[in-house]
Amino acid sequence: MTLTIDDVRGLAKLSRLKLTDTEAETMLDELNRILGYVDKLQAIDIEGFEPTAQVTGLKNVMRSDTIEDLGADHESLLKNAPAQQGGYIKVKRVL
């Protein structure tokens, strides 16, 4: 598949890009080279190969999801707050 200059201008319009004639010609050449490479990749016979998600062999290491009781209750923690409202610590607005 090869693109035309009209295709590039249409893509630029959809992307809201303003391209000069020189830039459009450059994009046309680059996009056609990319599509040529994709055509080469599609021509490769991959029958019998397993899909690969990652190649390093690393596994996700997750810690156990446990609740630790540190011995502090809600009221005693709020007692140390400089200001509170509705059972929460009141802070200045952050924008």
N, C-alpha and C. Protein backbone atom coordinates (compact mmCIF):
# COMPACT_ATOMS: atom_id res chain seq x y z
N MET A 1 0.84 -1.17 0.00
CA MET A 1 0.00 0.00 0.00
C MET A 1 0.89 1.24 0.00
N THR A 2 0.63 2.13 -0.88
CA THR A 2 1.37 3.39 -0.91
C THR A 2 0.38 4.54 -0.77
N LEU A 3 0.83 5.56 -0.09
CA LEU A 3 0.01 6.74 0.12
C LEU A 3 0.28 7.76 -0.98
N THR A 4 -0.68 8.63 -1.17
CA THR A 4 -0.51 9.74 -2.11
C THR A 4 -0.39 11.03 -1.30
N ILE A 5 -0.04 12.09 -1.97
CA ILE A 5 0.09 13.38 -1.29
C ILE A 5 -1.26 13.83 -0.74
N ASP A 6 -2.36 13.44 -1.43
CA ASP A 6 -3.69 13.78 -0.93
C ASP A 6 -3.99 13.03 0.37
N ASP A 7 -3.52 11.79 0.48
CA ASP A 7 -3.69 11.03 1.71
C ASP A 7 -2.96 11.72 2.87
N VAL A 8 -1.74 12.19 2.61
CA VAL A 8 -0.95 12.86 3.64
C VAL A 8 -1.65 14.15 4.06
N ARG A 9 -2.15 14.90 3.10
CA ARG A 9 -2.85 16.15 3.43
C ARG A 9 -4.13 15.85 4.23
N GLY A 10 -4.83 14.78 3.88
CA GLY A 10 -6.02 14.39 4.62
C GLY A 10 -5.69 14.00 6.05
N LEU A 11 -4.61 13.23 6.23
CA LEU A 11 -4.17 12.86 7.58
C LEU A 11 -3.75 14.09 8.38
N ALA A 12 -3.08 15.01 7.72
CA ALA A 12 -2.65 16.24 8.40
C ALA A 12 -3.86 17.05 8.83
N LYS A 13 -4.87 17.09 7.98
CA LYS A 13 -6.08 17.85 8.32
C LYS A 13 -6.79 17.20 9.51
N LEU A 14 -6.89 15.86 9.51
CA LEU A 14 -7.52 15.16 10.63
C LEU A 14 -6.74 15.37 11.92
N SER A 15 -5.41 15.49 11.80
CA SER A 15 -4.54 15.70 12.96
C SER A 15 -4.41 17.17 13.32
N ARG A 16 -5.05 18.00 12.54
CA ARG A 16 -4.99 19.46 12.72
C ARG A 16 -3.55 19.98 12.66
N LEU A 17 -2.81 19.45 11.69
CA LEU A 17 -1.45 19.90 11.44
C LEU A 17 -1.42 20.71 10.16
N LYS A 18 -0.68 21.78 10.18
CA LYS A 18 -0.49 22.58 8.97
C LYS A 18 0.88 22.24 8.41
N LEU A 19 0.88 21.58 7.26
CA LEU A 19 2.13 21.16 6.63
C LEU A 19 2.39 22.02 5.40
N THR A 20 3.66 22.40 5.24
CA THR A 20 4.05 23.05 4.00
C THR A 20 4.18 21.97 2.92
N ASP A 21 4.35 22.38 1.69
CA ASP A 21 4.50 21.42 0.60
C ASP A 21 5.73 20.54 0.83
N THR A 22 6.82 21.14 1.30
CA THR A 22 8.04 20.38 1.56
C THR A 22 7.82 19.37 2.68
N GLU A 23 7.16 19.79 3.75
CA GLU A 23 6.88 18.88 4.86
C GLU A 23 5.95 17.75 4.42
N ALA A 24 4.97 18.05 3.59
CA ALA A 24 4.05 17.02 3.10
C ALA A 24 4.80 15.99 2.26
N GLU A 25 5.72 16.45 1.43
CA GLU A 25 6.52 15.52 0.62
C GLU A 25 7.40 14.65 1.50
N THR A 26 8.00 15.26 2.54
CA THR A 26 8.83 14.50 3.47
C THR A 26 7.99 13.45 4.19
N MET A 27 6.82 13.86 4.67
CA MET A 27 5.93 12.92 5.37
C MET A 27 5.47 11.80 4.43
N LEU A 28 5.21 12.12 3.18
CA LEU A 28 4.80 11.12 2.21
C LEU A 28 5.88 10.06 2.05
N ASP A 29 7.13 10.50 1.93
CA ASP A 29 8.25 9.57 1.78
C ASP A 29 8.41 8.71 3.04
N GLU A 30 8.36 9.35 4.21
CA GLU A 30 8.55 8.61 5.46
C GLU A 30 7.42 7.63 5.72
N LEU A 31 6.18 8.05 5.50
CA LEU A 31 5.05 7.15 5.73
C LEU A 31 5.06 5.97 4.77
N ASN A 32 5.45 6.21 3.51
CA ASN A 32 5.52 5.11 2.56
C ASN A 32 6.63 4.12 2.94
N ARG A 33 7.74 4.63 3.49
CA ARG A 33 8.79 3.72 3.95
C ARG A 33 8.32 2.89 5.15
N ILE A 34 7.58 3.52 6.05
CA ILE A 34 7.04 2.79 7.20
C ILE A 34 6.07 1.72 6.75
N LEU A 35 5.18 2.06 5.84
CA LEU A 35 4.21 1.08 5.33
C LEU A 35 4.91 -0.04 4.57
N GLY A 36 6.01 0.27 3.87
CA GLY A 36 6.78 -0.77 3.20
C GLY A 36 7.39 -1.74 4.19
N TYR A 37 7.86 -1.23 5.31
CA TYR A 37 8.41 -2.09 6.35
C TYR A 37 7.32 -2.96 6.96
N VAL A 38 6.13 -2.41 7.16
CA VAL A 38 5.02 -3.19 7.69
C VAL A 38 4.64 -4.29 6.72
N ASP A 39 4.67 -4.01 5.42
CA ASP A 39 4.39 -5.04 4.42
C ASP A 39 5.41 -6.18 4.51
N LYS A 40 6.69 -5.84 4.74
CA LYS A 40 7.72 -6.87 4.90
C LYS A 40 7.43 -7.74 6.12
N LEU A 41 7.02 -7.10 7.22
CA LEU A 41 6.71 -7.85 8.44
C LEU A 41 5.51 -8.77 8.24
N GLN A 42 4.52 -8.31 7.48
CA GLN A 42 3.34 -9.13 7.25
C GLN A 42 3.66 -10.32 6.34
N ALA A 43 4.71 -10.25 5.57
CA ALA A 43 5.06 -11.34 4.66
C ALA A 43 5.80 -12.48 5.38
N ILE A 44 6.22 -12.26 6.61
CA ILE A 44 6.96 -13.28 7.35
C ILE A 44 6.02 -14.39 7.79
N ASP A 45 6.46 -15.65 7.60
CA ASP A 45 5.68 -16.80 8.00
C ASP A 45 5.90 -17.05 9.49
N ILE A 46 4.86 -16.88 10.28
CA ILE A 46 4.98 -17.06 11.73
C ILE A 46 4.17 -18.27 12.20
N GLU A 47 3.80 -19.12 11.31
CA GLU A 47 3.02 -20.32 11.65
C GLU A 47 3.82 -21.19 12.62
N GLY A 48 3.21 -21.59 13.71
CA GLY A 48 3.86 -22.47 14.67
C GLY A 48 4.58 -21.77 15.79
N PHE A 49 4.66 -20.45 15.77
CA PHE A 49 5.32 -19.70 16.84
C PHE A 49 4.29 -19.27 17.88
N GLU A 50 4.69 -19.36 19.14
CA GLU A 50 3.83 -18.91 20.23
C GLU A 50 3.90 -17.38 20.33
N PRO A 51 2.78 -16.73 20.62
CA PRO A 51 2.82 -15.28 20.84
C PRO A 51 3.70 -14.96 22.05
N THR A 52 4.42 -13.87 21.97
CA THR A 52 5.34 -13.47 23.03
C THR A 52 4.89 -12.14 23.61
N ALA A 53 4.65 -12.12 24.91
CA ALA A 53 4.27 -10.88 25.57
C ALA A 53 5.50 -10.15 26.08
N GLN A 54 6.48 -10.89 26.57
CA GLN A 54 7.74 -10.29 27.00
C GLN A 54 8.82 -11.35 26.92
N VAL A 55 10.06 -10.93 26.81
CA VAL A 55 11.14 -11.88 26.53
C VAL A 55 12.18 -11.99 27.63
N THR A 56 12.02 -11.25 28.72
CA THR A 56 13.06 -11.25 29.75
C THR A 56 12.91 -12.41 30.73
N GLY A 57 11.73 -13.01 30.81
CA GLY A 57 11.51 -14.08 31.75
C GLY A 57 11.19 -13.61 33.16
N LEU A 58 11.11 -12.29 33.35
CA LEU A 58 10.80 -11.76 34.67
C LEU A 58 9.32 -11.94 34.98
N LYS A 59 9.02 -12.13 36.22
CA LYS A 59 7.64 -12.28 36.68
C LYS A 59 7.31 -11.11 37.59
N ASN A 60 6.04 -10.75 37.64
CA ASN A 60 5.61 -9.72 38.57
C ASN A 60 5.72 -10.26 39.99
N VAL A 61 6.33 -9.49 40.85
CA VAL A 61 6.45 -9.87 42.24
C VAL A 61 5.51 -8.98 43.03
N MET A 62 4.52 -9.60 43.62
CA MET A 62 3.52 -8.84 44.36
C MET A 62 3.62 -9.20 45.84
N ARG A 63 3.57 -8.21 46.68
CA ARG A 63 3.55 -8.50 48.11
C ARG A 63 2.14 -8.91 48.50
N SER A 64 2.03 -9.59 49.59
CA SER A 64 0.71 -10.02 50.04
C SER A 64 -0.09 -8.80 50.48
N ASP A 65 -1.35 -8.83 50.23
CA ASP A 65 -2.24 -7.72 50.54
C ASP A 65 -2.83 -7.95 51.91
N THR A 66 -2.11 -7.52 52.93
CA THR A 66 -2.57 -7.71 54.30
C THR A 66 -2.72 -6.37 54.99
N ILE A 67 -3.62 -6.33 55.94
CA ILE A 67 -3.83 -5.12 56.73
C ILE A 67 -3.05 -5.26 58.02
N GLU A 68 -2.20 -4.27 58.29
CA GLU A 68 -1.40 -4.30 59.51
C GLU A 68 -2.01 -3.34 60.53
N ASP A 69 -2.27 -3.83 61.70
CA ASP A 69 -2.81 -2.99 62.77
C ASP A 69 -1.64 -2.37 63.53
N LEU A 70 -1.52 -1.06 63.45
CA LEU A 70 -0.42 -0.36 64.12
C LEU A 70 -0.81 0.13 65.50
N GLY A 71 -2.00 -0.19 65.95
CA GLY A 71 -2.42 0.13 67.29
C GLY A 71 -2.98 1.53 67.47
N ALA A 72 -3.15 2.29 66.42
CA ALA A 72 -3.70 3.64 66.54
C ALA A 72 -5.14 3.62 66.04
N ASP A 73 -6.00 4.30 66.76
CA ASP A 73 -7.40 4.37 66.31
C ASP A 73 -7.66 5.72 65.67
N HIS A 74 -8.79 5.83 65.02
CA HIS A 74 -9.15 7.01 64.23
C HIS A 74 -9.17 8.27 65.09
N GLU A 75 -9.78 8.18 66.24
CA GLU A 75 -9.92 9.37 67.10
C GLU A 75 -8.57 9.87 67.61
N SER A 76 -7.70 8.95 68.00
CA SER A 76 -6.40 9.39 68.53
C SER A 76 -5.54 10.03 67.43
N LEU A 77 -5.68 9.57 66.21
CA LEU A 77 -4.93 10.19 65.11
C LEU A 77 -5.48 11.58 64.81
N LEU A 78 -6.82 11.73 64.81
CA LEU A 78 -7.41 13.04 64.55
C LEU A 78 -7.10 14.04 65.66
N LYS A 79 -6.88 13.55 66.86
CA LYS A 79 -6.57 14.41 68.00
C LYS A 79 -5.28 15.20 67.75
N ASN A 80 -4.35 14.64 67.00
CA ASN A 80 -3.07 15.30 66.72
C ASN A 80 -3.13 16.26 65.54
N ALA A 81 -4.23 16.26 64.79
CA ALA A 81 -4.35 17.12 63.61
C ALA A 81 -4.63 18.55 64.05
N PRO A 82 -4.04 19.55 63.38
CA PRO A 82 -4.28 20.95 63.76
C PRO A 82 -5.72 21.38 63.51
N ALA A 83 -6.37 20.80 62.48
CA ALA A 83 -7.77 21.13 62.20
C ALA A 83 -8.43 19.88 61.63
N GLN A 84 -9.72 19.73 61.95
CA GLN A 84 -10.46 18.58 61.45
C GLN A 84 -11.88 18.98 61.13
N GLN A 85 -12.48 18.24 60.23
CA GLN A 85 -13.86 18.52 59.85
C GLN A 85 -14.49 17.23 59.38
N GLY A 86 -15.60 16.86 59.95
CA GLY A 86 -16.34 15.69 59.53
C GLY A 86 -15.58 14.38 59.69
N GLY A 87 -14.70 14.30 60.65
CA GLY A 87 -13.95 13.08 60.87
C GLY A 87 -12.71 12.95 59.99
N TYR A 88 -12.33 14.03 59.31
CA TYR A 88 -11.15 14.02 58.45
C TYR A 88 -10.23 15.16 58.84
N ILE A 89 -8.97 15.06 58.45
CA ILE A 89 -8.02 16.13 58.67
C ILE A 89 -8.31 17.23 57.66
N LYS A 90 -8.46 18.45 58.14
CA LYS A 90 -8.75 19.59 57.27
C LYS A 90 -7.44 20.24 56.85
N VAL A 91 -7.25 20.40 55.55
CA VAL A 91 -6.04 21.03 55.03
C VAL A 91 -6.42 22.16 54.11
N LYS A 92 -5.45 23.01 53.79
CA LYS A 92 -5.71 24.10 52.84
C LYS A 92 -5.90 23.51 51.45
N ARG A 93 -6.68 24.19 50.66
CA ARG A 93 -6.94 23.78 49.30
C ARG A 93 -5.64 23.81 48.49
N VAL A 94 -5.42 22.77 47.69
CA VAL A 94 -4.23 22.67 46.85
C VAL A 94 -4.67 22.70 45.40
N LEU A 95 -4.20 23.67 44.68
CA LEU A 95 -4.56 23.78 43.26
C LEU A 95 -3.36 23.57 42.40
